[in-house]
Amino acid sequence: MKTLYPNAVILVHPESSQAIVELADAVGSTSQLIQVVKTLPNKRLIITTDRGIFYKMQQACSNKELFEEPTVGEEASCSSCAHCPWMAMNSLKAIAKSLDQESIEYRLYAA
């Protein structure tokens, strides 16, 4: 992607492979990456995060060109291709139950 768009900045989620993180212009959480997209003056950005967040970035910055890039790699903490099935499982109910039980995780199938 960087070869195709040499002037684009690269934004990555920290769970990407180390090789991708080292290429990044910005590394951060979902909310941090959304803020970076909004504040950077660059018009072209290569985004390596979940596509659901990618869509929110497009809505927030329709005047910029955003390019979705999967982050699969041996060193990545997951092997998703720009869609995180675990993030998609999050819900307010699951988070509330996790907080009530003082548990790090709450499995939906345990409800």
PDB file of N, CA and C in Angstrom:
ATOM      1  N   MET A   1       0.824  -1.200   0.000  1.00  0.00           N
ATOM      2  CA  MET A   1       0.000   0.000   0.000  1.00  0.00           C
ATOM      3  C   MET A   1       0.867   1.262   0.000  1.00  0.00           C
ATOM      4  N   LYS A   2       1.944   1.232   0.743  1.00  0.00           N
ATOM      5  CA  LYS A   2       2.822   2.402   0.799  1.00  0.00           C
ATOM      6  C   LYS A   2       3.473   2.649  -0.557  1.00  0.00           C
ATOM      7  N   THR A   3       3.722   1.587  -1.313  1.00  0.00           N
ATOM      8  CA  THR A   3       4.270   1.736  -2.656  1.00  0.00           C
ATOM      9  C   THR A   3       3.242   2.397  -3.573  1.00  0.00           C
ATOM     10  N   LEU A   4       1.977   2.017  -3.410  1.00  0.00           N
ATOM     11  CA  LEU A   4       0.907   2.600  -4.224  1.00  0.00           C
ATOM     12  C   LEU A   4       0.630   4.053  -3.853  1.00  0.00           C
ATOM     13  N   TYR A   5       0.737   4.369  -2.569  1.00  0.00           N
ATOM     14  CA  TYR A   5       0.416   5.701  -2.066  1.00  0.00           C
ATOM     15  C   TYR A   5       1.577   6.204  -1.198  1.00  0.00           C
ATOM     16  N   PRO A   6       2.697   6.585  -1.814  1.00  0.00           N
ATOM     17  CA  PRO A   6       3.901   6.949  -1.054  1.00  0.00           C
ATOM     18  C   PRO A   6       3.722   8.149  -0.127  1.00  0.00           C
ATOM     19  N   ASN A   7       2.786   9.031  -0.402  1.00  0.00           N
ATOM     20  CA  ASN A   7       2.581  10.206   0.442  1.00  0.00           C
ATOM     21  C   ASN A   7       1.569   9.969   1.557  1.00  0.00           C
ATOM     22  N   ALA A   8       0.991   8.789   1.589  1.00  0.00           N
ATOM     23  CA  ALA A   8       0.006   8.481   2.622  1.00  0.00           C
ATOM     24  C   ALA A   8       0.704   8.171   3.945  1.00  0.00           C
ATOM     25  N   VAL A   9       0.052   8.543   5.033  1.00  0.00           N
ATOM     26  CA  VAL A   9       0.562   8.172   6.353  1.00  0.00           C
ATOM     27  C   VAL A   9      -0.072   6.846   6.754  1.00  0.00           C
ATOM     28  N   ILE A  10       0.627   6.104   7.591  1.00  0.00           N
ATOM     29  CA  ILE A  10       0.159   4.787   8.018  1.00  0.00           C
ATOM     30  C   ILE A  10      -0.258   4.849   9.478  1.00  0.00           C
ATOM     31  N   LEU A  11      -1.493   4.448   9.749  1.00  0.00           N
ATOM     32  CA  LEU A  11      -2.016   4.404  11.109  1.00  0.00           C
ATOM     33  C   LEU A  11      -2.329   2.954  11.439  1.00  0.00           C
ATOM     34  N   VAL A  12      -1.836   2.470  12.572  1.00  0.00           N
ATOM     35  CA  VAL A  12      -2.042   1.066  12.916  1.00  0.00           C
ATOM     36  C   VAL A  12      -2.502   0.890  14.351  1.00  0.00           C
ATOM     37  N   HIS A  13      -3.198  -0.195  14.552  1.00  0.00           N
ATOM     38  CA  HIS A  13      -3.595  -0.638  15.880  1.00  0.00           C
ATOM     39  C   HIS A  13      -2.398  -1.371  16.478  1.00  0.00           C
ATOM     40  N   PRO A  14      -2.144  -1.250  17.773  1.00  0.00           N
ATOM     41  CA  PRO A  14      -0.947  -1.853  18.359  1.00  0.00           C
ATOM     42  C   PRO A  14      -0.909  -3.384  18.298  1.00  0.00           C
ATOM     43  N   GLU A  15      -2.009  -4.033  17.977  1.00  0.00           N
ATOM     44  CA  GLU A  15      -2.019  -5.487  17.873  1.00  0.00           C
ATOM     45  C   GLU A  15      -1.515  -5.981  16.528  1.00  0.00           C
ATOM     46  N   SER A  16      -1.131  -5.070  15.668  1.00  0.00           N
ATOM     47  CA  SER A  16      -0.557  -5.440  14.376  1.00  0.00           C
ATOM     48  C   SER A  16       0.806  -6.081  14.593  1.00  0.00           C
ATOM     49  N   SER A  17       1.309  -6.735  13.545  1.00  0.00           N
ATOM     50  CA  SER A  17       2.634  -7.337  13.658  1.00  0.00           C
ATOM     51  C   SER A  17       3.666  -6.243  13.894  1.00  0.00           C
ATOM     52  N   GLN A  18       4.755  -6.590  14.546  1.00  0.00           N
ATOM     53  CA  GLN A  18       5.789  -5.619  14.890  1.00  0.00           C
ATOM     54  C   GLN A  18       6.354  -4.932  13.644  1.00  0.00           C
ATOM     55  N   ALA A  19       6.485  -5.685  12.552  1.00  0.00           N
ATOM     56  CA  ALA A  19       7.009  -5.108  11.311  1.00  0.00           C
ATOM     57  C   ALA A  19       6.107  -3.989  10.804  1.00  0.00           C
ATOM     58  N   ILE A  20       4.803  -4.153  10.934  1.00  0.00           N
ATOM     59  CA  ILE A  20       3.840  -3.125  10.499  1.00  0.00           C
ATOM     60  C   ILE A  20       3.881  -1.945  11.463  1.00  0.00           C
ATOM     61  N   VAL A  21       3.936  -2.220  12.758  1.00  0.00           N
ATOM     62  CA  VAL A  21       3.993  -1.147  13.754  1.00  0.00           C
ATOM     63  C   VAL A  21       5.217  -0.256  13.507  1.00  0.00           C
ATOM     64  N   GLU A  22       6.328  -0.874  13.146  1.00  0.00           N
ATOM     65  CA  GLU A  22       7.555  -0.102  12.895  1.00  0.00           C
ATOM     66  C   GLU A  22       7.446   0.804  11.667  1.00  0.00           C
ATOM     67  N   LEU A  23       6.591   0.459  10.728  1.00  0.00           N
ATOM     68  CA  LEU A  23       6.378   1.296   9.538  1.00  0.00           C
ATOM     69  C   LEU A  23       5.409   2.446   9.796  1.00  0.00           C
ATOM     70  N   ALA A  24       4.666   2.357  10.873  1.00  0.00           N
ATOM     71  CA  ALA A  24       3.562   3.282  11.123  1.00  0.00           C
ATOM     72  C   ALA A  24       4.021   4.693  11.444  1.00  0.00           C
ATOM     73  N   ASP A  25       3.194   5.634  11.029  1.00  0.00           N
ATOM     74  CA  ASP A  25       3.375   7.029  11.411  1.00  0.00           C
ATOM     75  C   ASP A  25       2.664   7.311  12.733  1.00  0.00           C
ATOM     76  N   ALA A  26       1.627   6.504  13.024  1.00  0.00           N
ATOM     77  CA  ALA A  26       0.899   6.628  14.289  1.00  0.00           C
ATOM     78  C   ALA A  26       0.396   5.249  14.702  1.00  0.00           C
ATOM     79  N   VAL A  27       0.549   4.945  15.977  1.00  0.00           N
ATOM     80  CA  VAL A  27       0.080   3.688  16.556  1.00  0.00           C
ATOM     81  C   VAL A  27      -0.820   4.050  17.721  1.00  0.00           C
ATOM     82  N   GLY A  28      -2.015   3.460  17.771  1.00  0.00           N
ATOM     83  CA  GLY A  28      -2.885   3.801  18.884  1.00  0.00           C
ATOM     84  C   GLY A  28      -4.143   2.973  18.942  1.00  0.00           C
ATOM     85  N   SER A  29      -4.873   3.203  20.002  1.00  0.00           N
ATOM     86  CA  SER A  29      -6.154   2.546  20.204  1.00  0.00           C
ATOM     87  C   SER A  29      -7.145   3.045  19.161  1.00  0.00           C
ATOM     88  N   THR A  30      -8.283   2.434  19.131  1.00  0.00           N
ATOM     89  CA  THR A  30      -9.321   2.821  18.184  1.00  0.00           C
ATOM     90  C   THR A  30      -9.652   4.306  18.293  1.00  0.00           C
ATOM     91  N   SER A  31      -9.926   4.772  19.500  1.00  0.00           N
ATOM     92  CA  SER A  31     -10.296   6.184  19.663  1.00  0.00           C
ATOM     93  C   SER A  31      -9.134   7.106  19.321  1.00  0.00           C
ATOM     94  N   GLN A  32      -7.920   6.696  19.645  1.00  0.00           N
ATOM     95  CA  GLN A  32      -6.758   7.509  19.300  1.00  0.00           C
ATOM     96  C   GLN A  32      -6.592   7.612  17.784  1.00  0.00           C
ATOM     97  N   LEU A  33      -6.795   6.508  17.080  1.00  0.00           N
ATOM     98  CA  LEU A  33      -6.652   6.534  15.619  1.00  0.00           C
ATOM     99  C   LEU A  33      -7.724   7.400  14.972  1.00  0.00           C
ATOM    100  N   ILE A  34      -8.929   7.352  15.484  1.00  0.00           N
ATOM    101  CA  ILE A  34      -9.998   8.209  14.946  1.00  0.00           C
ATOM    102  C   ILE A  34      -9.611   9.677  15.130  1.00  0.00           C
ATOM    103  N   GLN A  35      -9.079  10.020  16.284  1.00  0.00           N
ATOM    104  CA  GLN A  35      -8.657  11.400  16.547  1.00  0.00           C
ATOM    105  C   GLN A  35      -7.522  11.811  15.623  1.00  0.00           C
ATOM    106  N   VAL A  36      -6.582  10.916  15.382  1.00  0.00           N
ATOM    107  CA  VAL A  36      -5.459  11.215  14.486  1.00  0.00           C
ATOM    108  C   VAL A  36      -5.971  11.477  13.074  1.00  0.00           C
ATOM    109  N   VAL A  37      -6.910  10.666  12.606  1.00  0.00           N
ATOM    110  CA  VAL A  37      -7.474  10.864  11.268  1.00  0.00           C
ATOM    111  C   VAL A  37      -8.104  12.247  11.170  1.00  0.00           C
ATOM    112  N   LYS A  38      -8.801  12.656  12.204  1.00  0.00           N
ATOM    113  CA  LYS A  38      -9.468  13.959  12.204  1.00  0.00           C
ATOM    114  C   LYS A  38      -8.473  15.120  12.222  1.00  0.00           C
ATOM    115  N   THR A  39      -7.359  14.956  12.913  1.00  0.00           N
ATOM    116  CA  THR A  39      -6.457  16.090  13.120  1.00  0.00           C
ATOM    117  C   THR A  39      -5.299  16.185  12.133  1.00  0.00           C
ATOM    118  N   LEU A  40      -4.899  15.074  11.546  1.00  0.00           N
ATOM    119  CA  LEU A  40      -3.792  15.129  10.580  1.00  0.00           C
ATOM    120  C   LEU A  40      -4.184  15.932   9.342  1.00  0.00           C
ATOM    121  N   PRO A  41      -3.288  16.741   8.828  1.00  0.00           N
ATOM    122  CA  PRO A  41      -3.595  17.487   7.609  1.00  0.00           C
ATOM    123  C   PRO A  41      -3.519  16.622   6.344  1.00  0.00           C
ATOM    124  N   ASN A  42      -2.903  15.454   6.458  1.00  0.00           N
ATOM    125  CA  ASN A  42      -2.734  14.576   5.295  1.00  0.00           C
ATOM    126  C   ASN A  42      -4.082  14.174   4.702  1.00  0.00           C
ATOM    127  N   LYS A  43      -4.133  14.118   3.381  1.00  0.00           N
ATOM    128  CA  LYS A  43      -5.371  13.760   2.681  1.00  0.00           C
ATOM    129  C   LYS A  43      -5.472  12.266   2.376  1.00  0.00           C
ATOM    130  N   ARG A  44      -4.338  11.554   2.447  1.00  0.00           N
ATOM    131  CA  ARG A  44      -4.328  10.110   2.183  1.00  0.00           C
ATOM    132  C   ARG A  44      -3.783   9.381   3.406  1.00  0.00           C
ATOM    133  N   LEU A  45      -4.560   8.405   3.881  1.00  0.00           N
ATOM    134  CA  LEU A  45      -4.151   7.652   5.055  1.00  0.00           C
ATOM    135  C   LEU A  45      -4.387   6.163   4.827  1.00  0.00           C
ATOM    136  N   ILE A  46      -3.407   5.361   5.196  1.00  0.00           N
ATOM    137  CA  ILE A  46      -3.527   3.907   5.144  1.00  0.00           C
ATOM    138  C   ILE A  46      -3.876   3.480   6.567  1.00  0.00           C
ATOM    139  N   ILE A  47      -5.018   2.823   6.712  1.00  0.00           N
ATOM    140  CA  ILE A  47      -5.538   2.485   8.032  1.00  0.00           C
ATOM    141  C   ILE A  47      -5.489   0.976   8.239  1.00  0.00           C
ATOM    142  N   THR A  48      -4.845   0.545   9.313  1.00  0.00           N
ATOM    143  CA  THR A  48      -4.784  -0.883   9.621  1.00  0.00           C
ATOM    144  C   THR A  48      -5.478  -1.127  10.950  1.00  0.00           C
ATOM    145  N   THR A  49      -6.786  -1.250  10.888  1.00  0.00           N
ATOM    146  CA  THR A  49      -7.600  -1.538  12.063  1.00  0.00           C
ATOM    147  C   THR A  49      -8.889  -2.189  11.593  1.00  0.00           C
ATOM    148  N   ASP A  50      -9.770  -2.499  12.502  1.00  0.00           N
ATOM    149  CA  ASP A  50     -11.029  -3.166  12.166  1.00  0.00           C
ATOM    150  C   ASP A  50     -11.859  -2.325  11.199  1.00  0.00           C
ATOM    151  N   ARG A  51     -12.471  -2.975  10.214  1.00  0.00           N
ATOM    152  CA  ARG A  51     -13.207  -2.229   9.187  1.00  0.00           C
ATOM    153  C   ARG A  51     -14.424  -1.493   9.739  1.00  0.00           C
ATOM    154  N   GLY A  52     -14.972  -1.918  10.866  1.00  0.00           N
ATOM    155  CA  GLY A  52     -16.072  -1.173  11.478  1.00  0.00           C
ATOM    156  C   GLY A  52     -15.624   0.210  11.907  1.00  0.00           C
ATOM    157  N   ILE A  53     -14.416   0.308  12.418  1.00  0.00           N
ATOM    158  CA  ILE A  53     -13.840   1.589  12.809  1.00  0.00           C
ATOM    159  C   ILE A  53     -13.456   2.381  11.563  1.00  0.00           C
ATOM    160  N   PHE A  54     -12.981   1.678  10.563  1.00  0.00           N
ATOM    161  CA  PHE A  54     -12.624   2.305   9.293  1.00  0.00           C
ATOM    162  C   PHE A  54     -13.828   3.082   8.745  1.00  0.00           C
ATOM    163  N   TYR A  55     -15.008   2.481   8.809  1.00  0.00           N
ATOM    164  CA  TYR A  55     -16.234   3.129   8.331  1.00  0.00           C
ATOM    165  C   TYR A  55     -16.508   4.411   9.127  1.00  0.00           C
ATOM    166  N   LYS A  56     -16.309   4.377  10.449  1.00  0.00           N
ATOM    167  CA  LYS A  56     -16.525   5.574  11.266  1.00  0.00           C
ATOM    168  C   LYS A  56     -15.539   6.676  10.893  1.00  0.00           C
ATOM    169  N   MET A  57     -14.311   6.276  10.566  1.00  0.00           N
ATOM    170  CA  MET A  57     -13.314   7.249  10.138  1.00  0.00           C
ATOM    171  C   MET A  57     -13.728   7.904   8.829  1.00  0.00           C
ATOM    172  N   GLN A  58     -14.256   7.109   7.914  1.00  0.00           N
ATOM    173  CA  GLN A  58     -14.716   7.652   6.631  1.00  0.00           C
ATOM    174  C   GLN A  58     -15.834   8.663   6.848  1.00  0.00           C
ATOM    175  N   GLN A  59     -16.740   8.366   7.748  1.00  0.00           N
ATOM    176  CA  GLN A  59     -17.834   9.292   8.044  1.00  0.00           C
ATOM    177  C   GLN A  59     -17.300  10.601   8.627  1.00  0.00           C
ATOM    178  N   ALA A  60     -16.325  10.492   9.521  1.00  0.00           N
ATOM    179  CA  ALA A  60     -15.782  11.673  10.199  1.00  0.00           C
ATOM    180  C   ALA A  60     -14.940  12.540   9.269  1.00  0.00           C
ATOM    181  N   CYS A  61     -14.356  11.938   8.253  1.00  0.00           N
ATOM    182  CA  CYS A  61     -13.430  12.669   7.374  1.00  0.00           C
ATOM    183  C   CYS A  61     -13.705  12.338   5.914  1.00  0.00           C
ATOM    184  N   SER A  62     -14.849  12.694   5.439  1.00  0.00           N
ATOM    185  CA  SER A  62     -15.225  12.364   4.060  1.00  0.00           C
ATOM    186  C   SER A  62     -14.362  13.095   3.028  1.00  0.00           C
ATOM    187  N   ASN A  63     -13.616  14.108   3.450  1.00  0.00           N
ATOM    188  CA  ASN A  63     -12.750  14.851   2.526  1.00  0.00           C
ATOM    189  C   ASN A  63     -11.368  14.208   2.362  1.00  0.00           C
ATOM    190  N   LYS A  64     -11.141  13.079   3.034  1.00  0.00           N
ATOM    191  CA  LYS A  64      -9.844  12.411   2.961  1.00  0.00           C
ATOM    192  C   LYS A  64      -9.993  11.043   2.298  1.00  0.00           C
ATOM    193  N   GLU A  65      -8.905  10.577   1.698  1.00  0.00           N
ATOM    194  CA  GLU A  65      -8.876   9.243   1.110  1.00  0.00           C
ATOM    195  C   GLU A  65      -8.294   8.281   2.137  1.00  0.00           C
ATOM    196  N   LEU A  66      -9.113   7.319   2.557  1.00  0.00           N
ATOM    197  CA  LEU A  66      -8.672   6.328   3.534  1.00  0.00           C
ATOM    198  C   LEU A  66      -8.581   4.976   2.838  1.00  0.00           C
ATOM    199  N   PHE A  67      -7.482   4.289   3.056  1.00  0.00           N
ATOM    200  CA  PHE A  67      -7.252   2.995   2.434  1.00  0.00           C
ATOM    201  C   PHE A  67      -7.182   1.924   3.519  1.00  0.00           C
ATOM    202  N   GLU A  68      -8.049   0.948   3.421  1.00  0.00           N
ATOM    203  CA  GLU A  68      -8.098  -0.138   4.391  1.00  0.00           C
ATOM    204  C   GLU A  68      -6.992  -1.146   4.099  1.00  0.00           C
ATOM    205  N   GLU A  69      -6.261  -1.521   5.140  1.00  0.00           N
ATOM    206  CA  GLU A  69      -5.161  -2.471   4.981  1.00  0.00           C
ATOM    207  C   GLU A  69      -5.232  -3.523   6.076  1.00  0.00           C
ATOM    208  N   PRO A  70      -5.392  -4.794   5.724  1.00  0.00           N
ATOM    209  CA  PRO A  70      -5.371  -5.868   6.731  1.00  0.00           C
ATOM    210  C   PRO A  70      -4.014  -5.930   7.423  1.00  0.00           C
ATOM    211  N   THR A  71      -3.991  -6.500   8.631  1.00  0.00           N
ATOM    212  CA  THR A  71      -2.764  -6.526   9.423  1.00  0.00           C
ATOM    213  C   THR A  71      -2.275  -7.932   9.729  1.00  0.00           C
ATOM    214  N   VAL A  72      -2.689  -8.898   8.978  1.00  0.00           N
ATOM    215  CA  VAL A  72      -2.292 -10.280   9.245  1.00  0.00           C
ATOM    216  C   VAL A  72      -0.783 -10.417   9.186  1.00  0.00           C
ATOM    217  N   GLY A  73      -0.232 -11.179  10.096  1.00  0.00           N
ATOM    218  CA  GLY A  73       1.199 -11.431  10.110  1.00  0.00           C
ATOM    219  C   GLY A  73       1.554 -12.380  11.226  1.00  0.00           C
ATOM    220  N   GLU A  74       2.671 -13.036  11.107  1.00  0.00           N
ATOM    221  CA  GLU A  74       3.084 -14.012  12.114  1.00  0.00           C
ATOM    222  C   GLU A  74       3.213 -13.403  13.501  1.00  0.00           C
ATOM    223  N   GLU A  75       3.621 -12.139  13.563  1.00  0.00           N
ATOM    224  CA  GLU A  75       3.836 -11.500  14.854  1.00  0.00           C
ATOM    225  C   GLU A  75       2.588 -10.800  15.389  1.00  0.00           C
ATOM    226  N   ALA A  76       1.522 -10.749  14.601  1.00  0.00           N
ATOM    227  CA  ALA A  76       0.307 -10.077  15.052  1.00  0.00           C
ATOM    228  C   ALA A  76      -0.308 -10.860  16.201  1.00  0.00           C
ATOM    229  N   SER A  77      -0.998 -10.158  17.092  1.00  0.00           N
ATOM    230  CA  SER A  77      -1.609 -10.860  18.215  1.00  0.00           C
ATOM    231  C   SER A  77      -2.909 -11.538  17.811  1.00  0.00           C
ATOM    232  N   CYS A  78      -3.314 -11.338  16.572  1.00  0.00           N
ATOM    233  CA  CYS A  78      -4.449 -12.067  16.027  1.00  0.00           C
ATOM    234  C   CYS A  78      -4.195 -12.271  14.537  1.00  0.00           C
ATOM    235  N   SER A  79      -5.054 -13.018  13.887  1.00  0.00           N
ATOM    236  CA  SER A  79      -4.854 -13.254  12.451  1.00  0.00           C
ATOM    237  C   SER A  79      -6.081 -12.827  11.661  1.00  0.00           C
ATOM    238  N   SER A  80      -6.642 -11.708  12.023  1.00  0.00           N
ATOM    239  CA  SER A  80      -7.820 -11.175  11.351  1.00  0.00           C
ATOM    240  C   SER A  80      -7.414 -10.363  10.128  1.00  0.00           C
ATOM    241  N   CYS A  81      -8.299 -10.271   9.179  1.00  0.00           N
ATOM    242  CA  CYS A  81      -8.015  -9.505   7.961  1.00  0.00           C
ATOM    243  C   CYS A  81      -8.872  -8.246   7.928  1.00  0.00           C
ATOM    244  N   ALA A  82      -8.615  -7.339   8.832  1.00  0.00           N
ATOM    245  CA  ALA A  82      -9.333  -6.064   8.970  1.00  0.00           C
ATOM    246  C   ALA A  82     -10.751  -6.243   9.492  1.00  0.00           C
ATOM    247  N   HIS A  83     -11.050  -7.413  10.022  1.00  0.00           N
ATOM    248  CA  HIS A  83     -12.323  -7.605  10.723  1.00  0.00           C
ATOM    249  C   HIS A  83     -12.035  -8.408  11.977  1.00  0.00           C
ATOM    250  N   CYS A  84     -12.226  -7.799  13.105  1.00  0.00           N
ATOM    251  CA  CYS A  84     -11.946  -8.453  14.374  1.00  0.00           C
ATOM    252  C   CYS A  84     -13.227  -9.084  14.907  1.00  0.00           C
ATOM    253  N   PRO A  85     -13.338 -10.400  14.844  1.00  0.00           N
ATOM    254  CA  PRO A  85     -14.560 -11.051  15.324  1.00  0.00           C
ATOM    255  C   PRO A  85     -14.756 -10.874  16.823  1.00  0.00           C
ATOM    256  N   TRP A  86     -13.680 -10.674  17.573  1.00  0.00           N
ATOM    257  CA  TRP A  86     -13.811 -10.496  19.014  1.00  0.00           C
ATOM    258  C   TRP A  86     -14.345  -9.115  19.349  1.00  0.00           C
ATOM    259  N   MET A  87     -13.903  -8.099  18.629  1.00  0.00           N
ATOM    260  CA  MET A  87     -14.454  -6.760  18.854  1.00  0.00           C
ATOM    261  C   MET A  87     -15.928  -6.733  18.507  1.00  0.00           C
ATOM    262  N   ALA A  88     -16.308  -7.479  17.492  1.00  0.00           N
ATOM    263  CA  ALA A  88     -17.702  -7.511  17.067  1.00  0.00           C
ATOM    264  C   ALA A  88     -18.596  -8.161  18.121  1.00  0.00           C
ATOM    265  N   MET A  89     -18.012  -8.939  19.024  1.00  0.00           N
ATOM    266  CA  MET A  89     -18.792  -9.595  20.073  1.00  0.00           C
ATOM    267  C   MET A  89     -19.093  -8.657  21.240  1.00  0.00           C
ATOM    268  N   ASN A  90     -18.415  -7.531  21.319  1.00  0.00           N
ATOM    269  CA  ASN A  90     -18.642  -6.597  22.419  1.00  0.00           C
ATOM    270  C   ASN A  90     -20.050  -6.045  22.364  1.00  0.00           C
ATOM    271  N   SER A  91     -20.645  -5.877  23.519  1.00  0.00           N
ATOM    272  CA  SER A  91     -21.963  -5.244  23.630  1.00  0.00           C
ATOM    273  C   SER A  91     -22.019  -4.551  24.980  1.00  0.00           C
ATOM    274  N   LEU A  92     -22.949  -3.632  25.130  1.00  0.00           N
ATOM    275  CA  LEU A  92     -23.087  -2.958  26.421  1.00  0.00           C
ATOM    276  C   LEU A  92     -23.445  -3.954  27.516  1.00  0.00           C
ATOM    277  N   LYS A  93     -24.290  -4.929  27.192  1.00  0.00           N
ATOM    278  CA  LYS A  93     -24.686  -5.942  28.171  1.00  0.00           C
ATOM    279  C   LYS A  93     -23.472  -6.746  28.639  1.00  0.00           C
ATOM    280  N   ALA A  94     -22.633  -7.172  27.690  1.00  0.00           N
ATOM    281  CA  ALA A  94     -21.447  -7.961  28.037  1.00  0.00           C
ATOM    282  C   ALA A  94     -20.472  -7.144  28.883  1.00  0.00           C
ATOM    283  N   ILE A  95     -20.285  -5.881  28.535  1.00  0.00           N
ATOM    284  CA  ILE A  95     -19.373  -5.021  29.282  1.00  0.00           C
ATOM    285  C   ILE A  95     -19.903  -4.786  30.695  1.00  0.00           C
ATOM    286  N   ALA A  96     -21.210  -4.507  30.814  1.00  0.00           N
ATOM    287  CA  ALA A  96     -21.812  -4.279  32.129  1.00  0.00           C
ATOM    288  C   ALA A  96     -21.677  -5.523  33.006  1.00  0.00           C
ATOM    289  N   LYS A  97     -21.928  -6.693  32.449  1.00  0.00           N
ATOM    290  CA  LYS A  97     -21.821  -7.929  33.221  1.00  0.00           C
ATOM    291  C   LYS A  97     -20.371  -8.164  33.647  1.00  0.00           C
ATOM    292  N   SER A  98     -19.436  -7.879  32.764  1.00  0.00           N
ATOM    293  CA  SER A  98     -18.021  -8.026  33.085  1.00  0.00           C
ATOM    294  C   SER A  98     -17.639  -7.119  34.245  1.00  0.00           C
ATOM    295  N   LEU A  99     -18.131  -5.886  34.226  1.00  0.00           N
ATOM    296  CA  LEU A  99     -17.839  -4.950  35.315  1.00  0.00           C
ATOM    297  C   LEU A  99     -18.508  -5.389  36.615  1.00  0.00           C
ATOM    298  N   ASP A 100     -19.745  -5.869  36.534  1.00  0.00           N
ATOM    299  CA  ASP A 100     -20.452  -6.344  37.721  1.00  0.00           C
ATOM    300  C   ASP A 100     -19.728  -7.513  38.372  1.00  0.00           C
ATOM    301  N   GLN A 101     -19.175  -8.391  37.541  1.00  0.00           N
ATOM    302  CA  GLN A 101     -18.505  -9.588  38.053  1.00  0.00           C
ATOM    303  C   GLN A 101     -17.015  -9.350  38.306  1.00  0.00           C
ATOM    304  N   GLU A 102     -16.553  -8.112  38.066  1.00  0.00           N
ATOM    305  CA  GLU A 102     -15.143  -7.766  38.198  1.00  0.00           C
ATOM    306  C   GLU A 102     -14.270  -8.788  37.465  1.00  0.00           C
ATOM    307  N   SER A 103     -14.675  -9.080  36.244  1.00  0.00           N
ATOM    308  CA  SER A 103     -13.993 -10.056  35.406  1.00  0.00           C
ATOM    309  C   SER A 103     -13.382  -9.350  34.210  1.00  0.00           C
ATOM    310  N   ILE A 104     -12.239  -9.824  33.770  1.00  0.00           N
ATOM    311  CA  ILE A 104     -11.593  -9.230  32.601  1.00  0.00           C
ATOM    312  C   ILE A 104     -12.409  -9.493  31.352  1.00  0.00           C
ATOM    313  N   GLU A 105     -12.999 -10.660  31.282  1.00  0.00           N
ATOM    314  CA  GLU A 105     -13.784 -10.965  30.089  1.00  0.00           C
ATOM    315  C   GLU A 105     -15.110 -11.594  30.477  1.00  0.00           C
ATOM    316  N   TYR A 106     -16.053 -11.443  29.608  1.00  0.00           N
ATOM    317  CA  TYR A 106     -17.367 -12.043  29.770  1.00  0.00           C
ATOM    318  C   TYR A 106     -17.723 -12.683  28.448  1.00  0.00           C
ATOM    319  N   ARG A 107     -17.969 -13.935  28.453  1.00  0.00           N
ATOM    320  CA  ARG A 107     -18.297 -14.641  27.218  1.00  0.00           C
ATOM    321  C   ARG A 107     -19.789 -14.579  26.977  1.00  0.00           C
ATOM    322  N   LEU A 108     -20.170 -14.188  25.792  1.00  0.00           N
ATOM    323  CA  LEU A 108     -21.584 -14.050  25.457  1.00  0.00           C
ATOM    324  C   LEU A 108     -22.336 -15.356  25.641  1.00  0.00           C
ATOM    325  N   TYR A 109     -21.690 -16.467  25.354  1.00  0.00           N
ATOM    326  CA  TYR A 109     -22.388 -17.736  25.467  1.00  0.00           C
ATOM    327  C   TYR A 109     -22.615 -18.138  26.915  1.00  0.00           C
ATOM    328  N   ALA A 110     -22.011 -17.425  27.860  1.00  0.00           N
ATOM    329  CA  ALA A 110     -22.196 -17.735  29.270  1.00  0.00           C
ATOM    330  C   ALA A 110     -23.387 -16.989  29.864  1.00  0.00           C
ATOM    331  N   ALA A 111     -24.004 -16.136  29.078  1.00  0.00           N
ATOM    332  CA  ALA A 111     -25.106 -15.318  29.579  1.00  0.00           C
ATOM    333  C   ALA A 111     -26.349 -16.144  29.854  1.00  0.00           C
TER     334      ALA A 111
END
